């Protein structure tokens, strides 16, 4: 079960990184996620 979780996590990370072509794009993606989490917590 632990190995399955590692595989799922790796696939999620690869998918997320392939969605943004640059470091700047990755930073913007992280910022959007942070904003969504902040709004959900409010």
PDB file of N, CA and C in Angstrom:
ATOM      1  N   UNK A   1       0.827  -1.203   0.000  1.00  0.00           N
ATOM      2  CA  UNK A   1       0.000   0.000   0.000  1.00  0.00           C
ATOM      3  C   UNK A   1       0.862   1.254   0.000  1.00  0.00           C
ATOM      4  N   UNK A   2       1.986   1.218   0.721  1.00  0.00           N
ATOM      5  CA  UNK A   2       2.873   2.370   0.775  1.00  0.00           C
ATOM      6  C   UNK A   2       3.466   2.673  -0.595  1.00  0.00           C
ATOM      7  N   UNK A   3       3.808   1.615  -1.333  1.00  0.00           N
ATOM      8  CA  UNK A   3       4.377   1.815  -2.662  1.00  0.00           C
ATOM      9  C   UNK A   3       3.356   2.434  -3.603  1.00  0.00           C
ATOM     10  N   UNK A   4       2.099   2.043  -3.461  1.00  0.00           N
ATOM     11  CA  UNK A   4       1.043   2.625  -4.297  1.00  0.00           C
ATOM     12  C   UNK A   4       0.917   4.117  -4.030  1.00  0.00           C
ATOM     13  N   UNK A   5       0.998   4.520  -2.773  1.00  0.00           N
ATOM     14  CA  UNK A   5       0.913   5.935  -2.429  1.00  0.00           C
ATOM     15  C   UNK A   5       2.088   6.705  -3.035  1.00  0.00           C
ATOM     16  N   UNK A   6       3.276   6.119  -3.026  1.00  0.00           N
ATOM     17  CA  UNK A   6       4.446   6.765  -3.617  1.00  0.00           C
ATOM     18  C   UNK A   6       4.258   6.949  -5.119  1.00  0.00           C
ATOM     19  N   UNK A   7       3.716   5.935  -5.774  1.00  0.00           N
ATOM     20  CA  UNK A   7       3.486   6.017  -7.221  1.00  0.00           C
ATOM     21  C   UNK A   7       2.454   7.093  -7.530  1.00  0.00           C
ATOM     22  N   UNK A   8       1.365   7.127  -6.766  1.00  0.00           N
ATOM     23  CA  UNK A   8       0.324   8.135  -6.981  1.00  0.00           C
ATOM     24  C   UNK A   8       0.897   9.529  -6.761  1.00  0.00           C
ATOM     25  N   UNK A   9       1.687   9.700  -5.732  1.00  0.00           N
ATOM     26  CA  UNK A   9       2.307  11.001  -5.458  1.00  0.00           C
ATOM     27  C   UNK A   9       3.250  11.404  -6.584  1.00  0.00           C
ATOM     28  N   UNK A  10       4.054  10.474  -7.058  1.00  0.00           N
ATOM     29  CA  UNK A  10       4.994  10.765  -8.140  1.00  0.00           C
ATOM     30  C   UNK A  10       4.249  11.180  -9.407  1.00  0.00           C
ATOM     31  N   UNK A  11       3.183  10.481  -9.728  1.00  0.00           N
ATOM     32  CA  UNK A  11       2.396  10.823 -10.912  1.00  0.00           C
ATOM     33  C   UNK A  11       1.778  12.211 -10.756  1.00  0.00           C
ATOM     34  N   UNK A  12       1.282  12.524  -9.563  1.00  0.00           N
ATOM     35  CA  UNK A  12       0.692  13.841  -9.321  1.00  0.00           C
ATOM     36  C   UNK A  12       1.734  14.944  -9.469  1.00  0.00           C
ATOM     37  N   UNK A  13       2.930  14.732  -8.963  1.00  0.00           N
ATOM     38  CA  UNK A  13       3.996  15.731  -9.061  1.00  0.00           C
ATOM     39  C   UNK A  13       4.399  15.923 -10.520  1.00  0.00           C
ATOM     40  N   UNK A  14       4.561  14.831 -11.246  1.00  0.00           N
ATOM     41  CA  UNK A  14       4.948  14.926 -12.657  1.00  0.00           C
ATOM     42  C   UNK A  14       3.871  15.653 -13.451  1.00  0.00           C
ATOM     43  N   UNK A  15       2.620  15.343 -13.175  1.00  0.00           N
ATOM     44  CA  UNK A  15       1.517  16.005 -13.865  1.00  0.00           C
ATOM     45  C   UNK A  15       1.504  17.501 -13.564  1.00  0.00           C
ATOM     46  N   UNK A  16       1.688  17.845 -12.308  1.00  0.00           N
ATOM     47  CA  UNK A  16       1.690  19.258 -11.919  1.00  0.00           C
ATOM     48  C   UNK A  16       2.848  20.000 -12.567  1.00  0.00           C
ATOM     49  N   UNK A  17       4.019  19.384 -12.596  1.00  0.00           N
ATOM     50  CA  UNK A  17       5.182  20.053 -13.173  1.00  0.00           C
ATOM     51  C   UNK A  17       5.087  20.149 -14.690  1.00  0.00           C
ATOM     52  N   UNK A  18       4.437  19.205 -15.318  1.00  0.00           N
ATOM     53  CA  UNK A  18       4.312  19.265 -16.775  1.00  0.00           C
ATOM     54  C   UNK A  18       3.306  20.331 -17.195  1.00  0.00           C
ATOM     55  N   UNK A  19       2.448  20.742 -16.270  1.00  0.00           N
ATOM     56  CA  UNK A  19       1.460  21.766 -16.562  1.00  0.00           C
ATOM     57  C   UNK A  19       2.040  23.159 -16.629  1.00  0.00           C
ATOM     58  N   UNK A  20       3.224  23.359 -16.112  1.00  0.00           N
ATOM     59  CA  UNK A  20       3.861  24.670 -16.166  1.00  0.00           C
ATOM     60  C   UNK A  20       5.248  24.506 -16.756  1.00  0.00           C
ATOM     61  N   UNK A  21       5.556  25.306 -17.734  1.00  0.00           N
ATOM     62  CA  UNK A  21       6.796  25.137 -18.491  1.00  0.00           C
ATOM     63  C   UNK A  21       7.999  25.826 -17.877  1.00  0.00           C
ATOM     64  N   UNK A  22       7.781  26.723 -16.946  1.00  0.00           N
ATOM     65  CA  UNK A  22       8.898  27.479 -16.383  1.00  0.00           C
ATOM     66  C   UNK A  22       8.803  27.514 -14.868  1.00  0.00           C
ATOM     67  N   UNK A  23       9.865  27.911 -14.240  1.00  0.00           N
ATOM     68  CA  UNK A  23       9.868  28.072 -12.789  1.00  0.00           C
ATOM     69  C   UNK A  23       8.876  29.149 -12.390  1.00  0.00           C
ATOM     70  N   UNK A  24       8.799  30.198 -13.189  1.00  0.00           N
ATOM     71  CA  UNK A  24       7.843  31.275 -12.907  1.00  0.00           C
ATOM     72  C   UNK A  24       6.417  30.741 -12.958  1.00  0.00           C
ATOM     73  N   UNK A  25       6.137  29.927 -13.961  1.00  0.00           N
ATOM     74  CA  UNK A  25       4.809  29.323 -14.084  1.00  0.00           C
ATOM     75  C   UNK A  25       4.490  28.440 -12.886  1.00  0.00           C
ATOM     76  N   UNK A  26       5.490  27.687 -12.411  1.00  0.00           N
ATOM     77  CA  UNK A  26       5.283  26.848 -11.232  1.00  0.00           C
ATOM     78  C   UNK A  26       4.976  27.709 -10.020  1.00  0.00           C
ATOM     79  N   UNK A  27       5.689  28.822  -9.874  1.00  0.00           N
ATOM     80  CA  UNK A  27       5.435  29.734  -8.754  1.00  0.00           C
ATOM     81  C   UNK A  27       4.028  30.299  -8.800  1.00  0.00           C
ATOM     82  N   UNK A  28       3.569  30.625  -9.989  1.00  0.00           N
ATOM     83  CA  UNK A  28       2.206  31.140 -10.134  1.00  0.00           C
ATOM     84  C   UNK A  28       1.180  30.070  -9.773  1.00  0.00           C
ATOM     85  N   UNK A  29       1.449  28.827 -10.182  1.00  0.00           N
ATOM     86  CA  UNK A  29       0.542  27.730  -9.838  1.00  0.00           C
ATOM     87  C   UNK A  29       0.460  27.535  -8.326  1.00  0.00           C
ATOM     88  N   UNK A  30       1.616  27.578  -7.674  1.00  0.00           N
ATOM     89  CA  UNK A  30       1.657  27.412  -6.216  1.00  0.00           C
ATOM     90  C   UNK A  30       0.923  28.569  -5.545  1.00  0.00           C
ATOM     91  N   UNK A  31       1.087  29.756  -6.085  1.00  0.00           N
ATOM     92  CA  UNK A  31       0.413  30.929  -5.518  1.00  0.00           C
ATOM     93  C   UNK A  31      -1.112  30.778  -5.627  1.00  0.00           C
ATOM     94  N   UNK A  32      -1.578  30.282  -6.748  1.00  0.00           N
ATOM     95  CA  UNK A  32      -3.021  30.082  -6.935  1.00  0.00           C
ATOM     96  C   UNK A  32      -3.563  29.055  -5.949  1.00  0.00           C
ATOM     97  N   UNK A  33      -2.824  27.972  -5.746  1.00  0.00           N
ATOM     98  CA  UNK A  33      -3.256  26.944  -4.792  1.00  0.00           C
ATOM     99  C   UNK A  33      -3.279  27.521  -3.385  1.00  0.00           C
ATOM    100  N   UNK A  34      -2.260  28.298  -3.035  1.00  0.00           N
ATOM    101  CA  UNK A  34      -2.206  28.923  -1.712  1.00  0.00           C
ATOM    102  C   UNK A  34      -3.384  29.865  -1.503  1.00  0.00           C
ATOM    103  N   UNK A  35      -3.736  30.623  -2.536  1.00  0.00           N
ATOM    104  CA  UNK A  35      -4.876  31.530  -2.437  1.00  0.00           C
ATOM    105  C   UNK A  35      -6.187  30.781  -2.259  1.00  0.00           C
ATOM    106  N   UNK A  36      -6.319  29.659  -2.970  1.00  0.00           N
ATOM    107  CA  UNK A  36      -7.533  28.857  -2.846  1.00  0.00           C
ATOM    108  C   UNK A  36      -7.655  28.266  -1.439  1.00  0.00           C
ATOM    109  N   UNK A  37      -6.542  27.815  -0.901  1.00  0.00           N
ATOM    110  CA  UNK A  37      -6.558  27.256   0.457  1.00  0.00           C
ATOM    111  C   UNK A  37      -6.888  28.345   1.467  1.00  0.00           C
ATOM    112  N   UNK A  38      -6.324  29.520   1.271  1.00  0.00           N
ATOM    113  CA  UNK A  38      -6.593  30.644   2.171  1.00  0.00           C
ATOM    114  C   UNK A  38      -8.062  31.036   2.145  1.00  0.00           C
ATOM    115  N   UNK A  39      -8.635  31.108   0.944  1.00  0.00           N
ATOM    116  CA  UNK A  39     -10.058  31.454   0.843  1.00  0.00           C
ATOM    117  C   UNK A  39     -10.951  30.385   1.465  1.00  0.00           C
ATOM    118  N   UNK A  40     -10.562  29.123   1.303  1.00  0.00           N
ATOM    119  CA  UNK A  40     -11.353  28.040   1.875  1.00  0.00           C
ATOM    120  C   UNK A  40     -11.318  28.066   3.394  1.00  0.00           C
ATOM    121  N   UNK A  41     -10.178  28.504   3.941  1.00  0.00           N
ATOM    122  CA  UNK A  41     -10.037  28.559   5.397  1.00  0.00           C
ATOM    123  C   UNK A  41     -10.810  29.715   6.009  1.00  0.00           C
ATOM    124  N   UNK A  42     -11.093  30.733   5.213  1.00  0.00           N
ATOM    125  CA  UNK A  42     -11.790  31.927   5.734  1.00  0.00           C
ATOM    126  C   UNK A  42     -13.254  31.661   5.989  1.00  0.00           C
TER     127      UNK A  42
END
